[in-house]
Structures are given as C-alpha cells and as structure tokens.
Amino acid sequence: MHLSRIHTGTVLDCYTPDFSTPLPLPIAGSGVSAGFPSPAEDHEELVLDLNKALIKHPAATFYARVKGSSMVDAGIEDGDLLVIDKAIEPKDGAVAVCFIDGEFTVKRIALRDDGLYLIPANPAFNPVRITEENEFLVWGIVTYVIHQPR
C-alpha cells in the first residue's frame, strides 16, 4: 500500500498541561459589558482557576500551537493555542486534531454519505476525504482556542 502525503495546511506543536500548581486568578463577579458600560457596581472579585475552568479531563488534555491558516474562518489562526481533550468522542461538526499520514492537523469533522471528510475553514484549502489508504486517527477534540485580540 502506498501512502501519499496530504498537505492539510496546518501543523501543530503539541504540549502537555502542567497541573502541578493551581492557577487561581481574580475574575470580576459582575462580568464585563461589551455594550454600554454600567454605573459602578460593587466590583466583587471572585477567584477562577483556569486549569479547572478550561480542562474537564486533565489526564486526557493537551495543548497545541497552531501553525498555518487552514482554519482562519473558524477563528483559529496561526500562533493560536488550542486546548484539546482526547476523552471527548468525535462527532460530526466537531473541530478535531487529527493525525493523517504522518502529520497533525486541525479541521472540522464531516460525516457524509460517501465517507469521512476533514473540512478546512479557509477557501484556499480543499476538504480531505479519509480513505482506507490513509493512516488516520482523531487525536482529540478542540474545546477552546486561546489567542491574543487582533
């Protein structure tokens, strides 16, 4: 069997989270208005631990840094940090980190009548149909995308 390499437009650097210390940070209790500011309120501060807020399955979670532009229309851009949970079952429409023919990529999963596809969110890239010839694995489901405001 000959496996041809498919260029999917996105490469990932993967990291495991460090849970050795909690990460409690203050959070405004009343929220932040994206409309008109409200008059001064009590400004009560609560504590939020980002490890607990963003990660449901610590043993099955890892991070990946995005390299590429195949998912820009889904709000995933070059340099973004993905939170990926390997314990979540893949389903149609989910954004997933997949291993295909020797490389990691992030795409939307699409189950169609004629098979499984990995769908980019950038018209410059083509969908990838997964066949028996591909070495393929859904590595995990993207639960959060972290990036700086643009």
C-alpha atoms as a PDB file:
ATOM      1  CA  MET A   1       0.000   0.000   0.000  1.00  0.00           C
ATOM      2  CA  HIS A   2       1.343   3.438  -0.944  1.00  0.00           C
ATOM      3  CA  LEU A   3       0.539   6.353   1.335  1.00  0.00           C
ATOM      4  CA  SER A   4       0.768   9.725  -0.330  1.00  0.00           C
ATOM      5  CA  ARG A   5       1.307  12.724   1.909  1.00  0.00           C
ATOM      6  CA  ILE A   6      -1.614  15.133   2.049  1.00  0.00           C
ATOM      7  CA  HIS A   7      -0.775  18.741   2.816  1.00  0.00           C
ATOM      8  CA  THR A   8      -3.560  19.904   5.095  1.00  0.00           C
ATOM      9  CA  GLY A   9      -2.353  23.475   5.640  1.00  0.00           C
ATOM     10  CA  THR A  10      -1.992  23.322   9.411  1.00  0.00           C
ATOM     11  CA  VAL A  11       0.785  21.832  11.513  1.00  0.00           C
ATOM     12  CA  LEU A  12       0.704  21.664  15.301  1.00  0.00           C
ATOM     13  CA  ASP A  13       3.304  21.728  18.065  1.00  0.00           C
ATOM     14  CA  CYS A  14       1.868  19.719  20.983  1.00  0.00           C
ATOM     15  CA  TYR A  15       2.351  20.263  24.729  1.00  0.00           C
ATOM     16  CA  THR A  16       1.034  18.623  27.883  1.00  0.00           C
ATOM     17  CA  PRO A  17      -0.514  20.842  30.576  1.00  0.00           C
ATOM     18  CA  ASP A  18       1.260  21.364  33.893  1.00  0.00           C
ATOM     19  CA  PHE A  19      -1.188  20.801  36.749  1.00  0.00           C
ATOM     20  CA  SER A  20       1.448  20.794  39.485  1.00  0.00           C
ATOM     21  CA  THR A  21       0.307  24.172  40.804  1.00  0.00           C
ATOM     22  CA  PRO A  22      -3.141  25.736  40.795  1.00  0.00           C
ATOM     23  CA  LEU A  23      -3.665  28.841  38.696  1.00  0.00           C
ATOM     24  CA  PRO A  24      -6.153  30.963  40.669  1.00  0.00           C
ATOM     25  CA  LEU A  25      -6.733  34.372  39.100  1.00  0.00           C
ATOM     26  CA  PRO A  26      -9.192  37.110  40.089  1.00  0.00           C
ATOM     27  CA  ILE A  27     -12.347  37.439  37.979  1.00  0.00           C
ATOM     28  CA  ALA A  28     -14.866  40.270  38.059  1.00  0.00           C
ATOM     29  CA  GLY A  29     -18.079  38.977  39.611  1.00  0.00           C
ATOM     30  CA  SER A  30     -20.465  41.126  37.593  1.00  0.00           C
ATOM     31  CA  GLY A  31     -18.996  40.392  34.153  1.00  0.00           C
ATOM     32  CA  VAL A  32     -17.655  42.842  31.614  1.00  0.00           C
ATOM     33  CA  SER A  33     -20.043  44.744  29.385  1.00  0.00           C
ATOM     34  CA  ALA A  34     -19.445  44.590  25.645  1.00  0.00           C
ATOM     35  CA  GLY A  35     -22.095  47.271  25.136  1.00  0.00           C
ATOM     36  CA  PHE A  36     -22.520  50.409  27.183  1.00  0.00           C
ATOM     37  CA  PRO A  37     -20.676  50.456  30.487  1.00  0.00           C
ATOM     38  CA  SER A  38     -22.866  50.185  33.544  1.00  0.00           C
ATOM     39  CA  PRO A  39     -22.539  52.542  36.508  1.00  0.00           C
ATOM     40  CA  ALA A  40     -20.007  51.500  39.108  1.00  0.00           C
ATOM     41  CA  GLU A  41     -21.073  48.320  40.840  1.00  0.00           C
ATOM     42  CA  ASP A  42     -19.575  46.516  43.778  1.00  0.00           C
ATOM     43  CA  HIS A  43     -16.717  45.158  41.603  1.00  0.00           C
ATOM     44  CA  GLU A  44     -16.699  41.979  43.631  1.00  0.00           C
ATOM     45  CA  GLU A  45     -13.747  39.787  42.738  1.00  0.00           C
ATOM     46  CA  LEU A  46     -14.030  36.028  42.706  1.00  0.00           C
ATOM     47  CA  VAL A  47     -11.239  33.545  42.075  1.00  0.00           C
ATOM     48  CA  LEU A  48     -11.099  31.425  38.935  1.00  0.00           C
ATOM     49  CA  ASP A  49      -8.597  28.618  38.337  1.00  0.00           C
ATOM     50  CA  LEU A  50      -8.053  28.394  34.576  1.00  0.00           C
ATOM     51  CA  ASN A  51      -6.913  24.768  34.872  1.00  0.00           C
ATOM     52  CA  LYS A  52     -10.287  23.843  36.366  1.00  0.00           C
ATOM     53  CA  ALA A  53     -12.328  26.158  34.122  1.00  0.00           C
ATOM     54  CA  LEU A  54     -10.829  25.059  30.809  1.00  0.00           C
ATOM     55  CA  ILE A  55      -9.933  21.422  31.418  1.00  0.00           C
ATOM     56  CA  LYS A  56     -12.512  18.734  32.244  1.00  0.00           C
ATOM     57  CA  HIS A  57     -10.284  15.676  31.764  1.00  0.00           C
ATOM     58  CA  PRO A  58      -6.751  16.581  32.951  1.00  0.00           C
ATOM     59  CA  ALA A  59      -5.193  13.191  32.121  1.00  0.00           C
ATOM     60  CA  ALA A  60      -6.569  13.365  28.560  1.00  0.00           C
ATOM     61  CA  THR A  61      -5.930  17.038  27.792  1.00  0.00           C
ATOM     62  CA  PHE A  62      -3.068  18.668  25.969  1.00  0.00           C
ATOM     63  CA  TYR A  63      -2.278  21.923  24.226  1.00  0.00           C
ATOM     64  CA  ALA A  64      -1.153  22.550  20.668  1.00  0.00           C
ATOM     65  CA  ARG A  65       0.154  25.672  18.978  1.00  0.00           C
ATOM     66  CA  VAL A  66      -1.318  26.226  15.505  1.00  0.00           C
ATOM     67  CA  LYS A  67       0.984  26.742  12.528  1.00  0.00           C
ATOM     68  CA  GLY A  68      -0.942  27.590   9.384  1.00  0.00           C
ATOM     69  CA  SER A  69      -4.079  29.240   8.087  1.00  0.00           C
ATOM     70  CA  SER A  70      -6.468  26.451   7.078  1.00  0.00           C
ATOM     71  CA  MET A  71      -8.941  27.255   9.890  1.00  0.00           C
ATOM     72  CA  VAL A  72      -8.978  31.078   9.916  1.00  0.00           C
ATOM     73  CA  ASP A  73     -12.694  31.327   9.103  1.00  0.00           C
ATOM     74  CA  ALA A  74     -13.404  29.274  12.245  1.00  0.00           C
ATOM     75  CA  GLY A  75     -11.460  31.764  14.376  1.00  0.00           C
ATOM     76  CA  ILE A  76      -8.352  29.552  14.579  1.00  0.00           C
ATOM     77  CA  GLU A  77      -5.266  31.403  13.358  1.00  0.00           C
ATOM     78  CA  ASP A  78      -1.542  30.881  13.092  1.00  0.00           C
ATOM     79  CA  GLY A  79       0.011  31.014  16.582  1.00  0.00           C
ATOM     80  CA  ASP A  80      -3.212  30.285  18.478  1.00  0.00           C
ATOM     81  CA  LEU A  81      -3.132  27.845  21.379  1.00  0.00           C
ATOM     82  CA  LEU A  82      -5.666  25.002  21.286  1.00  0.00           C
ATOM     83  CA  VAL A  83      -6.961  23.122  24.314  1.00  0.00           C
ATOM     84  CA  ILE A  84      -7.582  19.557  23.125  1.00  0.00           C
ATOM     85  CA  ASP A  85      -9.464  16.857  25.021  1.00  0.00           C
ATOM     86  CA  LYS A  86      -8.775  13.250  23.984  1.00  0.00           C
ATOM     87  CA  ALA A  87     -11.617  11.955  26.202  1.00  0.00           C
ATOM     88  CA  ILE A  88     -14.386  13.562  24.117  1.00  0.00           C
ATOM     89  CA  GLU A  89     -15.994  11.365  21.441  1.00  0.00           C
ATOM     90  CA  PRO A  90     -15.589  12.734  17.929  1.00  0.00           C
ATOM     91  CA  LYS A  91     -18.835  13.709  16.214  1.00  0.00           C
ATOM     92  CA  ASP A  92     -19.999  15.332  13.013  1.00  0.00           C
ATOM     93  CA  GLY A  93     -19.222  19.040  13.034  1.00  0.00           C
ATOM     94  CA  ALA A  94     -16.630  18.909  15.822  1.00  0.00           C
ATOM     95  CA  VAL A  95     -13.319  20.691  15.410  1.00  0.00           C
ATOM     96  CA  ALA A  96     -10.714  17.989  15.894  1.00  0.00           C
ATOM     97  CA  VAL A  97      -6.988  17.496  15.943  1.00  0.00           C
ATOM     98  CA  CYS A  98      -6.317  14.567  13.636  1.00  0.00           C
ATOM     99  CA  PHE A  99      -3.256  12.570  12.695  1.00  0.00           C
ATOM    100  CA  ILE A 100      -3.234  11.859   8.969  1.00  0.00           C
ATOM    101  CA  ASP A 101      -0.412  10.271   7.030  1.00  0.00           C
ATOM    102  CA  GLY A 102       2.304  11.347   9.431  1.00  0.00           C
ATOM    103  CA  GLU A 103       1.198  14.857  10.352  1.00  0.00           C
ATOM    104  CA  PHE A 104      -1.148  16.505  12.804  1.00  0.00           C
ATOM    105  CA  THR A 105      -3.818  18.867  11.548  1.00  0.00           C
ATOM    106  CA  VAL A 106      -6.864  20.663  12.924  1.00  0.00           C
ATOM    107  CA  LYS A 107     -10.072  20.515  10.866  1.00  0.00           C
ATOM    108  CA  ARG A 108     -13.824  20.178  11.236  1.00  0.00           C
ATOM    109  CA  ILE A 109     -15.083  16.571  11.022  1.00  0.00           C
ATOM    110  CA  ALA A 110     -17.783  15.964   8.423  1.00  0.00           C
ATOM    111  CA  LEU A 111     -19.605  12.642   8.133  1.00  0.00           C
ATOM    112  CA  ARG A 112     -21.156  12.378   4.686  1.00  0.00           C
ATOM    113  CA  ASP A 113     -22.897   9.591   2.792  1.00  0.00           C
ATOM    114  CA  ASP A 114     -19.689   8.792   0.903  1.00  0.00           C
ATOM    115  CA  GLY A 115     -17.377   8.857   3.923  1.00  0.00           C
ATOM    116  CA  LEU A 116     -15.457  10.914   6.434  1.00  0.00           C
ATOM    117  CA  TYR A 117     -14.021  14.299   5.484  1.00  0.00           C
ATOM    118  CA  LEU A 118     -11.768  16.811   7.186  1.00  0.00           C
ATOM    119  CA  ILE A 119     -13.067  20.258   6.313  1.00  0.00           C
ATOM    120  CA  PRO A 120     -10.859  23.357   6.425  1.00  0.00           C
ATOM    121  CA  ALA A 121     -12.288  26.766   7.281  1.00  0.00           C
ATOM    122  CA  ASN A 122     -10.444  28.624   4.563  1.00  0.00           C
ATOM    123  CA  PRO A 123     -11.491  28.535   0.885  1.00  0.00           C
ATOM    124  CA  ALA A 124      -7.816  28.327  -0.161  1.00  0.00           C
ATOM    125  CA  PHE A 125      -7.726  24.723   1.127  1.00  0.00           C
ATOM    126  CA  ASN A 126      -9.637  21.673  -0.088  1.00  0.00           C
ATOM    127  CA  PRO A 127     -11.528  19.191   2.067  1.00  0.00           C
ATOM    128  CA  VAL A 128      -9.664  15.938   2.664  1.00  0.00           C
ATOM    129  CA  ARG A 129     -11.573  12.678   2.196  1.00  0.00           C
ATOM    130  CA  ILE A 130     -10.324   9.948   4.514  1.00  0.00           C
ATOM    131  CA  THR A 131      -9.908   6.598   2.769  1.00  0.00           C
ATOM    132  CA  GLU A 132      -8.598   3.168   3.730  1.00  0.00           C
ATOM    133  CA  GLU A 133      -5.236   4.177   2.275  1.00  0.00           C
ATOM    134  CA  ASN A 134      -4.772   6.932   4.848  1.00  0.00           C
ATOM    135  CA  GLU A 135      -3.081   6.422   8.180  1.00  0.00           C
ATOM    136  CA  PHE A 136      -5.698   8.267  10.240  1.00  0.00           C
ATOM    137  CA  LEU A 137      -6.636   8.911  13.862  1.00  0.00           C
ATOM    138  CA  VAL A 138      -8.812  11.523  15.569  1.00  0.00           C
ATOM    139  CA  TRP A 139      -6.379  12.603  18.276  1.00  0.00           C
ATOM    140  CA  GLY A 140      -8.757  14.816  20.261  1.00  0.00           C
ATOM    141  CA  ILE A 141     -11.496  17.433  20.150  1.00  0.00           C
ATOM    142  CA  VAL A 142     -10.710  21.149  20.392  1.00  0.00           C
ATOM    143  CA  THR A 143     -12.518  22.569  23.420  1.00  0.00           C
ATOM    144  CA  TYR A 144     -11.013  26.069  23.495  1.00  0.00           C
ATOM    145  CA  VAL A 145      -8.982  28.370  21.249  1.00  0.00           C
ATOM    146  CA  ILE A 146      -6.758  30.885  23.027  1.00  0.00           C
ATOM    147  CA  HIS A 147      -5.369  33.859  21.148  1.00  0.00           C
ATOM    148  CA  GLN A 148      -4.497  37.495  21.596  1.00  0.00           C
ATOM    149  CA  PRO A 149      -7.106  40.001  20.440  1.00  0.00           C
ATOM    150  CA  ARG A 150      -6.486  41.148  16.908  1.00  0.00           C
END
